[in-house]
N, C-alpha and C. Protein backbone atom coordinates (compact mmCIF):
# COMPACT_ATOMS: atom_id res chain seq x y z
N SER A 1 105.96 155.19 108.40
CA SER A 1 106.97 155.33 107.38
C SER A 1 107.70 154.01 107.17
N GLY A 2 108.05 153.30 108.22
CA GLY A 2 108.69 152.00 108.10
C GLY A 2 107.75 150.98 107.52
N LYS A 3 106.48 151.05 107.97
CA LYS A 3 105.47 150.12 107.46
C LYS A 3 105.17 150.42 106.00
N GLU A 4 105.15 151.71 105.64
CA GLU A 4 104.85 152.10 104.26
C GLU A 4 105.96 151.62 103.33
N THR A 5 107.20 151.72 103.79
CA THR A 5 108.33 151.25 102.98
C THR A 5 108.24 149.74 102.79
N LYS A 6 107.92 149.03 103.88
CA LYS A 6 107.79 147.58 103.80
C LYS A 6 106.65 147.19 102.86
N ILE A 7 105.55 147.88 102.92
CA ILE A 7 104.41 147.61 102.04
C ILE A 7 104.81 147.85 100.58
N ALA A 8 105.53 148.94 100.33
CA ALA A 8 105.96 149.26 98.97
C ALA A 8 106.90 148.17 98.45
N LEU A 9 107.83 147.72 99.30
CA LEU A 9 108.76 146.67 98.90
C LEU A 9 108.02 145.35 98.65
N ASP A 10 107.05 145.06 99.50
CA ASP A 10 106.26 143.84 99.33
C ASP A 10 105.48 143.89 98.01
N LYS A 11 104.93 145.05 97.67
CA LYS A 11 104.20 145.20 96.40
C LYS A 11 105.14 145.00 95.21
N GLU A 12 106.36 145.51 95.32
CA GLU A 12 107.34 145.33 94.24
C GLU A 12 107.71 143.85 94.11
N ASP A 13 107.90 143.18 95.24
CA ASP A 13 108.21 141.75 95.23
C ASP A 13 107.06 140.96 94.60
N LEU A 14 105.84 141.32 94.97
CA LEU A 14 104.67 140.65 94.43
C LEU A 14 104.58 140.85 92.92
N GLU A 15 104.81 142.06 92.48
CA GLU A 15 104.76 142.37 91.05
C GLU A 15 105.85 141.60 90.30
N SER A 16 107.04 141.57 90.87
CA SER A 16 108.15 140.83 90.27
C SER A 16 107.83 139.35 90.17
N THR A 17 107.26 138.80 91.24
CA THR A 17 106.90 137.39 91.26
C THR A 17 105.82 137.08 90.23
N VAL A 18 104.84 137.94 90.13
CA VAL A 18 103.76 137.75 89.15
C VAL A 18 104.34 137.77 87.73
N ASN A 19 105.27 138.69 87.48
CA ASN A 19 105.90 138.77 86.16
C ASN A 19 106.71 137.51 85.86
N LYS A 20 107.43 137.01 86.88
CA LYS A 20 108.22 135.79 86.69
C LYS A 20 107.30 134.60 86.40
N ILE A 21 106.19 134.53 87.08
CA ILE A 21 105.23 133.44 86.85
C ILE A 21 104.67 133.54 85.44
N ALA A 22 104.31 134.74 85.01
CA ALA A 22 103.78 134.93 83.67
C ALA A 22 104.81 134.52 82.61
N GLN A 23 106.06 134.90 82.81
CA GLN A 23 107.13 134.55 81.88
C GLN A 23 107.34 133.03 81.88
N GLY A 24 107.30 132.44 83.06
CA GLY A 24 107.45 130.99 83.16
C GLY A 24 106.33 130.25 82.44
N LEU A 25 105.11 130.74 82.56
CA LEU A 25 103.98 130.12 81.87
C LEU A 25 104.12 130.26 80.36
N ASP A 26 104.58 131.41 79.90
CA ASP A 26 104.83 131.60 78.46
C ASP A 26 105.88 130.61 77.96
N ASP A 27 106.98 130.49 78.73
CA ASP A 27 108.04 129.55 78.36
C ASP A 27 107.51 128.12 78.34
N LEU A 28 106.72 127.78 79.33
CA LEU A 28 106.14 126.43 79.41
C LEU A 28 105.27 126.16 78.20
N GLN A 29 104.45 127.13 77.83
CA GLN A 29 103.56 126.95 76.69
C GLN A 29 104.37 126.78 75.40
N SER A 30 105.41 127.55 75.25
CA SER A 30 106.26 127.45 74.07
C SER A 30 106.94 126.08 74.01
N GLU A 31 107.51 125.65 75.13
CA GLU A 31 108.18 124.36 75.18
C GLU A 31 107.20 123.21 74.96
N GLN A 32 105.99 123.35 75.49
CA GLN A 32 104.97 122.32 75.32
C GLN A 32 104.58 122.20 73.85
N SER A 33 104.51 123.34 73.16
CA SER A 33 104.20 123.32 71.73
C SER A 33 105.29 122.59 70.95
N LEU A 34 106.55 122.86 71.31
CA LEU A 34 107.66 122.16 70.66
C LEU A 34 107.59 120.66 70.92
N LEU A 35 107.31 120.30 72.16
CA LEU A 35 107.21 118.89 72.52
C LEU A 35 106.06 118.22 71.77
N ASP A 36 104.92 118.88 71.71
CA ASP A 36 103.77 118.32 71.00
C ASP A 36 104.10 118.08 69.53
N GLY A 37 104.80 119.03 68.92
CA GLY A 37 105.20 118.88 67.52
C GLY A 37 106.15 117.72 67.34
N ALA A 38 107.10 117.58 68.24
CA ALA A 38 108.06 116.48 68.15
C ALA A 38 107.37 115.13 68.34
N LEU A 39 106.45 115.06 69.28
CA LEU A 39 105.73 113.81 69.51
C LEU A 39 104.86 113.45 68.31
N LYS A 40 104.25 114.44 67.70
CA LYS A 40 103.43 114.20 66.51
C LYS A 40 104.30 113.66 65.38
N ARG A 41 105.46 114.25 65.19
CA ARG A 41 106.39 113.81 64.14
C ARG A 41 106.87 112.39 64.43
N LEU A 42 107.13 112.09 65.69
CA LEU A 42 107.54 110.75 66.09
C LEU A 42 106.47 109.73 65.73
N GLU A 43 105.22 110.06 66.00
CA GLU A 43 104.11 109.16 65.68
C GLU A 43 104.00 108.95 64.17
N GLU A 44 104.28 110.00 63.39
CA GLU A 44 104.24 109.89 61.93
C GLU A 44 105.35 108.97 61.43
N LEU A 45 106.51 108.99 62.11
CA LEU A 45 107.65 108.21 61.66
C LEU A 45 107.61 106.75 62.11
N LYS A 46 106.88 106.46 63.16
CA LYS A 46 106.87 105.10 63.71
C LYS A 46 106.56 104.03 62.67
N PRO A 47 105.52 104.19 61.86
CA PRO A 47 105.23 103.12 60.89
C PRO A 47 106.40 102.89 59.92
N THR A 48 107.07 103.93 59.54
CA THR A 48 108.20 103.81 58.63
C THR A 48 109.35 103.05 59.28
N CYS A 49 109.57 103.31 60.54
CA CYS A 49 110.71 102.72 61.25
C CYS A 49 110.43 101.32 61.78
N ILE A 50 109.22 101.03 62.11
CA ILE A 50 108.93 99.79 62.81
C ILE A 50 108.28 98.74 61.91
N ASP A 51 107.19 99.07 61.28
CA ASP A 51 106.41 98.10 60.53
C ASP A 51 106.85 98.08 59.07
N THR A 52 107.75 97.17 58.75
CA THR A 52 108.23 97.10 57.37
C THR A 52 107.42 96.10 56.56
N SER A 53 106.74 95.20 57.20
CA SER A 53 105.95 94.13 56.58
C SER A 53 106.78 93.32 55.59
N MET A 54 108.10 93.36 55.76
CA MET A 54 109.00 92.55 54.94
C MET A 54 109.80 91.64 55.87
N SER A 55 110.08 90.44 55.39
CA SER A 55 110.89 89.54 56.20
C SER A 55 112.34 90.02 56.18
N TYR A 56 113.11 89.47 57.08
CA TYR A 56 114.53 89.85 57.14
C TYR A 56 115.22 89.50 55.82
N ALA A 57 114.93 88.32 55.30
CA ALA A 57 115.56 87.89 54.04
C ALA A 57 115.18 88.83 52.90
N ASP A 58 113.93 89.27 52.87
CA ASP A 58 113.50 90.21 51.83
C ASP A 58 114.22 91.54 51.95
N ARG A 59 114.37 92.02 53.20
CA ARG A 59 115.08 93.30 53.42
C ARG A 59 116.54 93.18 52.98
N VAL A 60 117.19 92.05 53.30
CA VAL A 60 118.58 91.84 52.91
C VAL A 60 118.69 91.81 51.39
N ALA A 61 117.79 91.10 50.73
CA ALA A 61 117.83 91.01 49.27
C ALA A 61 117.63 92.38 48.64
N LYS A 62 116.69 93.13 49.17
CA LYS A 62 116.43 94.48 48.64
C LYS A 62 117.66 95.37 48.84
N ARG A 63 118.28 95.29 50.01
CA ARG A 63 119.47 96.09 50.29
C ARG A 63 120.60 95.72 49.33
N GLU A 64 120.77 94.42 49.06
CA GLU A 64 121.81 93.97 48.13
C GLU A 64 121.53 94.50 46.72
N GLU A 65 120.27 94.52 46.31
CA GLU A 65 119.90 95.07 45.01
C GLU A 65 120.24 96.56 44.95
N GLU A 66 119.94 97.27 46.03
CA GLU A 66 120.24 98.70 46.07
C GLU A 66 121.74 98.95 45.98
N VAL A 67 122.54 98.16 46.70
CA VAL A 67 123.99 98.31 46.66
C VAL A 67 124.51 98.02 45.25
N ALA A 68 124.00 96.97 44.61
CA ALA A 68 124.42 96.65 43.25
C ALA A 68 124.07 97.79 42.29
N ALA A 69 122.88 98.36 42.45
CA ALA A 69 122.47 99.48 41.59
C ALA A 69 123.36 100.69 41.82
N LEU A 70 123.74 100.94 43.07
CA LEU A 70 124.64 102.06 43.37
C LEU A 70 126.03 101.83 42.79
N LYS A 71 126.52 100.60 42.85
CA LYS A 71 127.83 100.29 42.26
C LYS A 71 127.79 100.50 40.75
N LYS A 72 126.71 100.07 40.12
CA LYS A 72 126.55 100.26 38.68
C LYS A 72 126.55 101.74 38.34
N ALA A 73 125.82 102.55 39.12
CA ALA A 73 125.77 103.99 38.89
C ALA A 73 127.14 104.61 39.09
N LEU A 74 127.89 104.13 40.08
CA LEU A 74 129.24 104.64 40.32
C LEU A 74 130.14 104.36 39.12
N CYS A 75 130.02 103.17 38.56
CA CYS A 75 130.84 102.82 37.40
C CYS A 75 130.46 103.67 36.19
N ILE A 76 129.19 103.95 36.03
CA ILE A 76 128.75 104.80 34.93
C ILE A 76 129.35 106.20 35.08
N LEU A 77 129.40 106.69 36.30
CA LEU A 77 129.91 108.04 36.55
C LEU A 77 131.44 108.09 36.59
N ASP A 78 132.10 106.93 36.73
CA ASP A 78 133.55 106.88 36.85
C ASP A 78 134.20 106.86 35.47
N THR A 79 134.24 108.00 34.83
CA THR A 79 134.80 108.10 33.48
C THR A 79 136.32 108.05 33.48
N ASN A 80 136.95 108.29 34.62
CA ASN A 80 138.42 108.28 34.70
C ASN A 80 138.97 106.95 35.19
N SER A 81 138.12 105.96 35.35
CA SER A 81 138.52 104.62 35.83
C SER A 81 139.29 104.69 37.15
N VAL A 82 138.79 105.45 38.08
CA VAL A 82 139.40 105.58 39.40
C VAL A 82 139.01 104.39 40.28
N GLU A 83 137.79 103.95 40.17
CA GLU A 83 137.30 102.85 41.00
C GLU A 83 137.80 101.52 40.46
N ALA A 84 138.37 100.69 41.34
CA ALA A 84 138.92 99.39 40.94
C ALA A 84 137.81 98.47 40.45
N GLU A 85 136.65 98.56 41.06
CA GLU A 85 135.53 97.69 40.69
C GLU A 85 135.05 97.98 39.27
N CYS A 86 135.31 99.16 38.78
CA CYS A 86 134.79 99.58 37.48
C CYS A 86 135.78 99.34 36.35
N SER A 87 136.96 98.87 36.65
CA SER A 87 137.96 98.65 35.60
C SER A 87 137.54 97.50 34.72
N PRO A 88 137.77 97.62 33.42
CA PRO A 88 137.35 96.55 32.49
C PRO A 88 138.18 95.30 32.63
């Protein structure tokens, strides 16, 4: 009777452990899928972030052109003459 109780408890512990392992493996697989997706996205973004094939001076000039275009657009939209830069 004591041995039978111990065997029953051991079987319950074993079953619980097996279930925890199965759940852990499911979680691992899910997390690994998320990681794989993030790494794939990172690889897709690397060329955009790293290889610009433009010199520093070219990037600065382009950025200045973009800022000038944005200022012009702001002045076009500023019908109430709120912006000091847009005042005649």
